[in-house]
C-alpha atoms as a PDB file:
ATOM      1  CA  MET A   1       2.456 -11.125 131.721  1.00  0.00           C
ATOM      2  CA  ASN A   2      -0.890  -9.930 130.340  1.00  0.00           C
ATOM      3  CA  ALA A   3      -2.487 -11.790 127.441  1.00  0.00           C
ATOM      4  CA  PRO A   4      -2.016 -10.053 124.077  1.00  0.00           C
ATOM      5  CA  THR A   5      -4.835  -8.019 122.571  1.00  0.00           C
ATOM      6  CA  ARG A   6      -6.498 -10.166 119.899  1.00  0.00           C
ATOM      7  CA  VAL A   7      -7.317  -8.346 116.684  1.00  0.00           C
ATOM      8  CA  MET A   8      -9.451  -9.128 113.643  1.00  0.00           C
ATOM      9  CA  LEU A   9      -8.455  -7.257 110.465  1.00  0.00           C
ATOM     10  CA  VAL A  10     -11.289  -6.558 108.014  1.00  0.00           C
ATOM     11  CA  ASP A  11     -10.068  -5.076 104.721  1.00  0.00           C
ATOM     12  CA  ASP A  12     -10.616  -6.214 101.151  1.00  0.00           C
ATOM     13  CA  HIS A  13      -6.962  -5.677 100.171  1.00  0.00           C
ATOM     14  CA  ALA A  14      -4.734  -8.624 101.093  1.00  0.00           C
ATOM     15  CA  VAL A  15      -1.559  -6.520 100.853  1.00  0.00           C
ATOM     16  CA  VAL A  16      -2.991  -3.968 103.291  1.00  0.00           C
ATOM     17  CA  ARG A  17      -3.925  -6.698 105.765  1.00  0.00           C
ATOM     18  CA  MET A  18      -0.455  -8.208 105.501  1.00  0.00           C
ATOM     19  CA  GLY A  19       1.170  -4.841 106.204  1.00  0.00           C
ATOM     20  CA  PHE A  20      -1.021  -4.242 109.241  1.00  0.00           C
ATOM     21  CA  ARG A  21      -0.404  -7.753 110.544  1.00  0.00           C
ATOM     22  CA  LEU A  22       3.375  -7.442 110.242  1.00  0.00           C
ATOM     23  CA  LEU A  23       3.273  -4.067 111.980  1.00  0.00           C
ATOM     24  CA  LEU A  24       1.042  -5.161 114.835  1.00  0.00           C
ATOM     25  CA  GLU A  25       2.858  -8.384 115.552  1.00  0.00           C
ATOM     26  CA  THR A  26       6.098  -6.492 116.218  1.00  0.00           C
ATOM     27  CA  THR A  27       4.525  -4.965 119.320  1.00  0.00           C
ATOM     28  CA  GLY A  28       4.511  -8.072 121.477  1.00  0.00           C
ATOM     29  CA  ASP A  29       1.164  -7.176 123.067  1.00  0.00           C
ATOM     30  CA  ILE A  30      -1.058  -7.279 119.981  1.00  0.00           C
ATOM     31  CA  ARG A  31      -1.785 -10.420 117.979  1.00  0.00           C
ATOM     32  CA  VAL A  32      -3.813 -10.756 114.762  1.00  0.00           C
ATOM     33  CA  VAL A  33      -6.072 -13.788 115.199  1.00  0.00           C
ATOM     34  CA  ALA A  34      -8.356 -13.385 112.175  1.00  0.00           C
ATOM     35  CA  GLU A  35      -8.443 -11.690 108.773  1.00  0.00           C
ATOM     36  CA  CYS A  36     -11.487 -11.059 106.593  1.00  0.00           C
ATOM     37  CA  ALA A  37     -11.837  -9.558 103.137  1.00  0.00           C
ATOM     38  CA  ARG A  38     -15.544  -8.679 103.370  1.00  0.00           C
ATOM     39  CA  GLY A  39     -18.009  -7.563 105.991  1.00  0.00           C
ATOM     40  CA  GLU A  40     -20.166 -10.619 105.464  1.00  0.00           C
ATOM     41  CA  GLU A  41     -17.217 -12.855 106.375  1.00  0.00           C
ATOM     42  CA  ALA A  42     -16.423 -10.784 109.467  1.00  0.00           C
ATOM     43  CA  LEU A  43     -19.980 -11.147 110.751  1.00  0.00           C
ATOM     44  CA  GLN A  44     -19.822 -14.910 110.266  1.00  0.00           C
ATOM     45  CA  ARG A  45     -16.453 -15.332 111.979  1.00  0.00           C
ATOM     46  CA  TYR A  46     -16.725 -12.874 114.851  1.00  0.00           C
ATOM     47  CA  ALA A  47     -18.736 -15.110 117.173  1.00  0.00           C
ATOM     48  CA  ASN A  48     -16.039 -17.790 117.310  1.00  0.00           C
ATOM     49  CA  ALA A  49     -12.901 -15.735 116.775  1.00  0.00           C
ATOM     50  CA  GLU A  50     -12.375 -14.595 120.395  1.00  0.00           C
ATOM     51  CA  VAL A  51     -11.516 -11.070 119.309  1.00  0.00           C
ATOM     52  CA  ASP A  52     -10.797  -8.047 121.518  1.00  0.00           C
ATOM     53  CA  VAL A  53     -10.688  -5.393 118.779  1.00  0.00           C
ATOM     54  CA  VAL A  54     -11.968  -5.366 115.200  1.00  0.00           C
ATOM     55  CA  VAL A  55      -9.997  -3.098 112.852  1.00  0.00           C
ATOM     56  CA  LEU A  56     -12.496  -2.333 110.102  1.00  0.00           C
ATOM     57  CA  ASP A  57     -12.115  -0.617 106.729  1.00  0.00           C
ATOM     58  CA  LEU A  58     -15.154   1.276 105.426  1.00  0.00           C
ATOM     59  CA  ALA A  59     -14.685   1.142 101.648  1.00  0.00           C
ATOM     60  CA  MET A  60     -15.135  -2.568 100.942  1.00  0.00           C
ATOM     61  CA  GLU A  61     -17.030  -4.474  98.290  1.00  0.00           C
ATOM     62  CA  GLY A  62     -20.241  -6.105  99.404  1.00  0.00           C
ATOM     63  CA  MET A  63     -22.281  -4.562 102.195  1.00  0.00           C
ATOM     64  CA  GLY A  64     -19.493  -2.127 103.070  1.00  0.00           C
ATOM     65  CA  GLY A  65     -17.944  -1.065 106.344  1.00  0.00           C
ATOM     66  CA  LEU A  66     -20.733   1.039 107.829  1.00  0.00           C
ATOM     67  CA  GLU A  67     -23.336  -1.673 107.328  1.00  0.00           C
ATOM     68  CA  THR A  68     -20.910  -4.245 108.741  1.00  0.00           C
ATOM     69  CA  LEU A  69     -20.302  -2.028 111.770  1.00  0.00           C
ATOM     70  CA  SER A  70     -24.010  -1.496 112.375  1.00  0.00           C
ATOM     71  CA  ARG A  71     -24.810  -5.202 112.189  1.00  0.00           C
ATOM     72  CA  LEU A  72     -21.821  -6.224 114.296  1.00  0.00           C
ATOM     73  CA  VAL A  73     -22.661  -3.832 117.125  1.00  0.00           C
ATOM     74  CA  ALA A  74     -26.377  -4.643 116.913  1.00  0.00           C
ATOM     75  CA  LYS A  75     -25.666  -8.345 117.420  1.00  0.00           C
ATOM     76  CA  TRP A  76     -22.724  -7.953 119.813  1.00  0.00           C
ATOM     77  CA  PRO A  77     -23.155  -4.629 121.675  1.00  0.00           C
ATOM     78  CA  THR A  78     -19.867  -5.065 123.551  1.00  0.00           C
ATOM     79  CA  ALA A  79     -17.828  -5.412 120.328  1.00  0.00           C
ATOM     80  CA  ARG A  80     -14.932  -2.966 120.179  1.00  0.00           C
ATOM     81  CA  VAL A  81     -14.472  -1.698 116.635  1.00  0.00           C
ATOM     82  CA  LEU A  82     -11.737   0.636 115.422  1.00  0.00           C
ATOM     83  CA  VAL A  83     -12.489   2.050 111.984  1.00  0.00           C
ATOM     84  CA  LEU A  84      -9.363   2.521 109.868  1.00  0.00           C
ATOM     85  CA  SER A  85     -10.329   4.363 106.707  1.00  0.00           C
ATOM     86  CA  ALA A  86      -8.950   6.337 103.792  1.00  0.00           C
ATOM     87  CA  HIS A  87     -11.785   8.854 104.256  1.00  0.00           C
ATOM     88  CA  GLU A  88     -10.447  12.068 105.803  1.00  0.00           C
ATOM     89  CA  ASP A  89     -13.724  14.015 105.884  1.00  0.00           C
ATOM     90  CA  THR A  90     -15.699  14.535 109.082  1.00  0.00           C
ATOM     91  CA  SER A  91     -18.906  12.835 107.936  1.00  0.00           C
ATOM     92  CA  HIS A  92     -17.486   9.303 107.967  1.00  0.00           C
ATOM     93  CA  PRO A  93     -16.071   9.442 111.512  1.00  0.00           C
ATOM     94  CA  ARG A  94     -19.302  11.019 112.757  1.00  0.00           C
ATOM     95  CA  ARG A  95     -21.315   8.209 111.164  1.00  0.00           C
ATOM     96  CA  ALA A  96     -18.940   5.501 112.376  1.00  0.00           C
ATOM     97  CA  LEU A  97     -18.968   6.686 115.988  1.00  0.00           C
ATOM     98  CA  ALA A  98     -22.746   7.105 115.901  1.00  0.00           C
ATOM     99  CA  ALA A  99     -23.050   3.527 114.613  1.00  0.00           C
ATOM    100  CA  GLY A 100     -21.054   2.187 117.544  1.00  0.00           C
ATOM    101  CA  ALA A 101     -17.375   2.363 116.599  1.00  0.00           C
ATOM    102  CA  ARG A 102     -15.001   2.964 119.505  1.00  0.00           C
ATOM    103  CA  GLY A 103     -12.452   4.766 117.368  1.00  0.00           C
ATOM    104  CA  TYR A 104     -11.672   6.237 113.974  1.00  0.00           C
ATOM    105  CA  LEU A 105      -8.257   6.548 112.351  1.00  0.00           C
ATOM    106  CA  THR A 106      -7.316   7.594 108.830  1.00  0.00           C
ATOM    107  CA  LYS A 107      -4.860   5.481 106.869  1.00  0.00           C
ATOM    108  CA  ARG A 108      -2.521   8.446 106.429  1.00  0.00           C
ATOM    109  CA  SER A 109      -1.777   8.394 110.155  1.00  0.00           C
ATOM    110  CA  ALA A 110       1.550   7.146 111.447  1.00  0.00           C
ATOM    111  CA  ALA A 111       1.975   3.467 112.237  1.00  0.00           C
ATOM    112  CA  GLU A 112       2.413   4.323 115.904  1.00  0.00           C
ATOM    113  CA  ALA A 113      -1.053   5.877 115.883  1.00  0.00           C
ATOM    114  CA  LEU A 114      -2.644   2.575 114.825  1.00  0.00           C
ATOM    115  CA  ILE A 115      -0.906   0.719 117.630  1.00  0.00           C
ATOM    116  CA  GLU A 116      -1.935   3.340 120.184  1.00  0.00           C
ATOM    117  CA  ALA A 117      -5.515   3.413 118.849  1.00  0.00           C
ATOM    118  CA  ILE A 118      -5.867  -0.362 119.231  1.00  0.00           C
ATOM    119  CA  ARG A 119      -4.526  -0.209 122.773  1.00  0.00           C
ATOM    120  CA  GLN A 120      -6.931   2.592 123.678  1.00  0.00           C
ATOM    121  CA  VAL A 121      -9.963   0.834 122.189  1.00  0.00           C
ATOM    122  CA  ALA A 122      -8.981  -2.463 123.827  1.00  0.00           C
ATOM    123  CA  ALA A 123      -8.878  -0.609 127.159  1.00  0.00           C
ATOM    124  CA  GLY A 124     -12.448   0.557 126.655  1.00  0.00           C
ATOM    125  CA  LYS A 125     -11.599   4.117 125.634  1.00  0.00           C
ATOM    126  CA  ILE A 126     -12.686   6.127 122.590  1.00  0.00           C
ATOM    127  CA  TYR A 127      -9.974   7.039 120.091  1.00  0.00           C
ATOM    128  CA  LEU A 128     -10.229   9.803 117.504  1.00  0.00           C
ATOM    129  CA  GLU A 129      -7.079  11.180 115.914  1.00  0.00           C
ATOM    130  CA  PRO A 130      -6.375  14.787 116.983  1.00  0.00           C
ATOM    131  CA  ASP A 131      -6.717  16.458 113.569  1.00  0.00           C
ATOM    132  CA  LEU A 132     -10.152  14.960 112.969  1.00  0.00           C
ATOM    133  CA  ALA A 133     -11.290  15.675 116.518  1.00  0.00           C
ATOM    134  CA  GLY A 134     -10.315  19.319 116.004  1.00  0.00           C
ATOM    135  CA  GLU A 135     -12.172  19.604 112.694  1.00  0.00           C
ATOM    136  CA  ILE A 136     -15.320  18.076 114.161  1.00  0.00           C
ATOM    137  CA  ALA A 137     -15.158  20.407 117.164  1.00  0.00           C
ATOM    138  CA  ILE A 138     -14.796  23.462 114.893  1.00  0.00           C
ATOM    139  CA  GLU A 139     -17.802  22.367 112.805  1.00  0.00           C
ATOM    140  CA  GLN A 140     -19.903  21.895 115.923  1.00  0.00           C
ATOM    141  CA  VAL A 141     -18.992  25.332 117.286  1.00  0.00           C
ATOM    142  CA  GLY A 142     -19.421  27.054 113.932  1.00  0.00           C
ATOM    143  CA  ASN A 143     -22.473  24.994 112.962  1.00  0.00           C
ATOM    144  CA  ARG A 144     -21.189  24.703 109.403  1.00  0.00           C
ATOM    145  CA  GLY A 145     -21.895  21.068 108.675  1.00  0.00           C
ATOM    146  CA  SER A 146     -22.654  20.101 105.091  1.00  0.00           C
ATOM    147  CA  PRO A 147     -26.155  19.151 103.854  1.00  0.00           C
ATOM    148  CA  VAL A 148     -24.946  15.539 103.886  1.00  0.00           C
ATOM    149  CA  GLU A 149     -25.238  15.667 107.677  1.00  0.00           C
ATOM    150  CA  ARG A 150     -29.020  15.858 107.235  1.00  0.00           C
ATOM    151  CA  LEU A 151     -29.127  12.308 105.881  1.00  0.00           C
ATOM    152  CA  SER A 152     -30.106   9.471 108.172  1.00  0.00           C
ATOM    153  CA  ALA A 153     -27.621   6.646 108.713  1.00  0.00           C
ATOM    154  CA  ARG A 154     -29.365   4.447 106.133  1.00  0.00           C
ATOM    155  CA  GLU A 155     -29.700   7.295 103.654  1.00  0.00           C
ATOM    156  CA  PHE A 156     -25.995   8.026 104.008  1.00  0.00           C
ATOM    157  CA  GLU A 157     -25.112   4.393 103.197  1.00  0.00           C
ATOM    158  CA  VAL A 158     -27.381   4.402 100.156  1.00  0.00           C
ATOM    159  CA  PHE A 159     -26.033   7.801  99.073  1.00  0.00           C
ATOM    160  CA  ILE A 160     -22.401   6.631  99.147  1.00  0.00           C
ATOM    161  CA  MET A 161     -23.177   3.459  97.197  1.00  0.00           C
ATOM    162  CA  LEU A 162     -25.166   5.331  94.546  1.00  0.00           C
ATOM    163  CA  ALA A 163     -22.455   7.990  94.313  1.00  0.00           C
ATOM    164  CA  ARG A 164     -19.938   5.218  93.636  1.00  0.00           C
ATOM    165  CA  GLY A 165     -22.009   4.126  90.652  1.00  0.00           C
ATOM    166  CA  LYS A 166     -24.103   1.306  92.105  1.00  0.00           C
ATOM    167  CA  SER A 167     -27.582   0.879  90.689  1.00  0.00           C
ATOM    168  CA  VAL A 168     -30.726   0.855  92.819  1.00  0.00           C
ATOM    169  CA  ASN A 169     -31.012  -2.910  92.367  1.00  0.00           C
ATOM    170  CA  GLU A 170     -27.367  -3.447  93.332  1.00  0.00           C
ATOM    171  CA  VAL A 171     -27.763  -1.349  96.464  1.00  0.00           C
ATOM    172  CA  ALA A 172     -30.926  -3.249  97.366  1.00  0.00           C
ATOM    173  CA  GLU A 173     -29.113  -6.573  97.062  1.00  0.00           C
ATOM    174  CA  LEU A 174     -26.071  -5.463  99.062  1.00  0.00           C
ATOM    175  CA  LEU A 175     -28.111  -3.960 101.912  1.00  0.00           C
ATOM    176  CA  PHE A 176     -30.819  -6.663 101.859  1.00  0.00           C
ATOM    177  CA  LEU A 177     -33.537  -4.140 101.064  1.00  0.00           C
ATOM    178  CA  SER A 178     -36.233  -4.068  98.408  1.00  0.00           C
ATOM    179  CA  PRO A 179     -35.612  -1.922  95.311  1.00  0.00           C
ATOM    180  CA  ARG A 180     -38.718   0.060  96.247  1.00  0.00           C
ATOM    181  CA  THR A 181     -37.242   0.887  99.667  1.00  0.00           C
ATOM    182  CA  VAL A 182     -33.965   1.981  98.075  1.00  0.00           C
ATOM    183  CA  GLY A 183     -35.961   4.080  95.618  1.00  0.00           C
ATOM    184  CA  THR A 184     -37.677   5.813  98.522  1.00  0.00           C
ATOM    185  CA  HIS A 185     -34.320   6.499 100.141  1.00  0.00           C
ATOM    186  CA  LEU A 186     -33.038   7.866  96.829  1.00  0.00           C
ATOM    187  CA  TYR A 187     -35.984  10.251  96.570  1.00  0.00           C
ATOM    188  CA  ASN A 188     -35.386  11.527 100.114  1.00  0.00           C
ATOM    189  CA  ILE A 189     -31.651  11.875  99.479  1.00  0.00           C
ATOM    190  CA  LYS A 190     -32.241  13.966  96.370  1.00  0.00           C
ATOM    191  CA  GLN A 191     -34.686  16.181  98.236  1.00  0.00           C
ATOM    192  CA  LYS A 192     -32.295  16.774 101.137  1.00  0.00           C
ATOM    193  CA  LEU A 193     -29.246  17.384  98.960  1.00  0.00           C
ATOM    194  CA  GLY A 194     -30.975  19.254  96.149  1.00  0.00           C
ATOM    195  CA  ALA A 195     -29.740  16.749  93.560  1.00  0.00           C
ATOM    196  CA  ALA A 196     -31.575  15.990  90.329  1.00  0.00           C
ATOM    197  CA  ASN A 197     -29.792  12.807  89.234  1.00  0.00           C
ATOM    198  CA  ALA A 198     -27.082  10.255  89.985  1.00  0.00           C
ATOM    199  CA  ALA A 199     -24.354  12.403  88.435  1.00  0.00           C
ATOM    200  CA  GLU A 200     -25.147  15.245  90.839  1.00  0.00           C
ATOM    201  CA  LEU A 201     -25.054  12.831  93.785  1.00  0.00           C
ATOM    202  CA  THR A 202     -21.566  11.764  92.729  1.00  0.00           C
ATOM    203  CA  LEU A 203     -20.472  15.385  92.409  1.00  0.00           C
ATOM    204  CA  ILE A 204     -21.794  16.205  95.888  1.00  0.00           C
ATOM    205  CA  ALA A 205     -19.959  13.201  97.334  1.00  0.00           C
ATOM    206  CA  ILE A 206     -16.709  14.282  95.672  1.00  0.00           C
ATOM    207  CA  ARG A 207     -17.058  17.901  96.801  1.00  0.00           C
ATOM    208  CA  ASN A 208     -17.565  16.731 100.390  1.00  0.00           C
ATOM    209  CA  GLY A 209     -14.536  14.467 100.227  1.00  0.00           C
ATOM    210  CA  LEU A 210     -16.652  11.346 100.674  1.00  0.00           C
ATOM    211  CA  ILE A 211     -15.386   9.536  97.570  1.00  0.00           C
ATOM    212  CA  ALA A 212     -12.331   9.983  95.372  1.00  0.00           C
ATOM    213  CA  PRO A 213     -12.830  11.871  92.066  1.00  0.00           C
END
């Protein structure tokens, strides 16, 4: 009998982690070996957790999922990360896959999809749920991506945090950057998106489905 796939759950909601754990442990071939509430904790525990797949939420307090993903893959290039997110837009999966994720699944997907996604990622394959894959393909063919796509990976992270109401100093602390560097990113973000202030950034994020209204 093959050894079970070992999973680390990274989500800042304990109830969500419990639900995922109960679901996954009914499979017989998937076992949750670690749970983390923040990205910082996941980075600390990954080295010794003997994990096959990390199931990572994006919208967490602290450094957030994208920054966690980037740092995890930078330090452990062979890490297999499946992003499980409430974001149903195309920008987040594009960013996650570009940052090194092996799969992207929205939380609205059926439970069976999560199980299948973990199995695919554990086997070294890329998993992207069909609806999202279709939307991304249509955008690429029609070349109708939003202006948000013009942002660099770091600018996108800063943009999302600012759109959620974080201050420049708060973003600097969370991403381990200087306030001046964040200010530079903010200037570039405004130029690329045609935004005049923080309120307009939030509105752009909402219109693109990147944050909830």
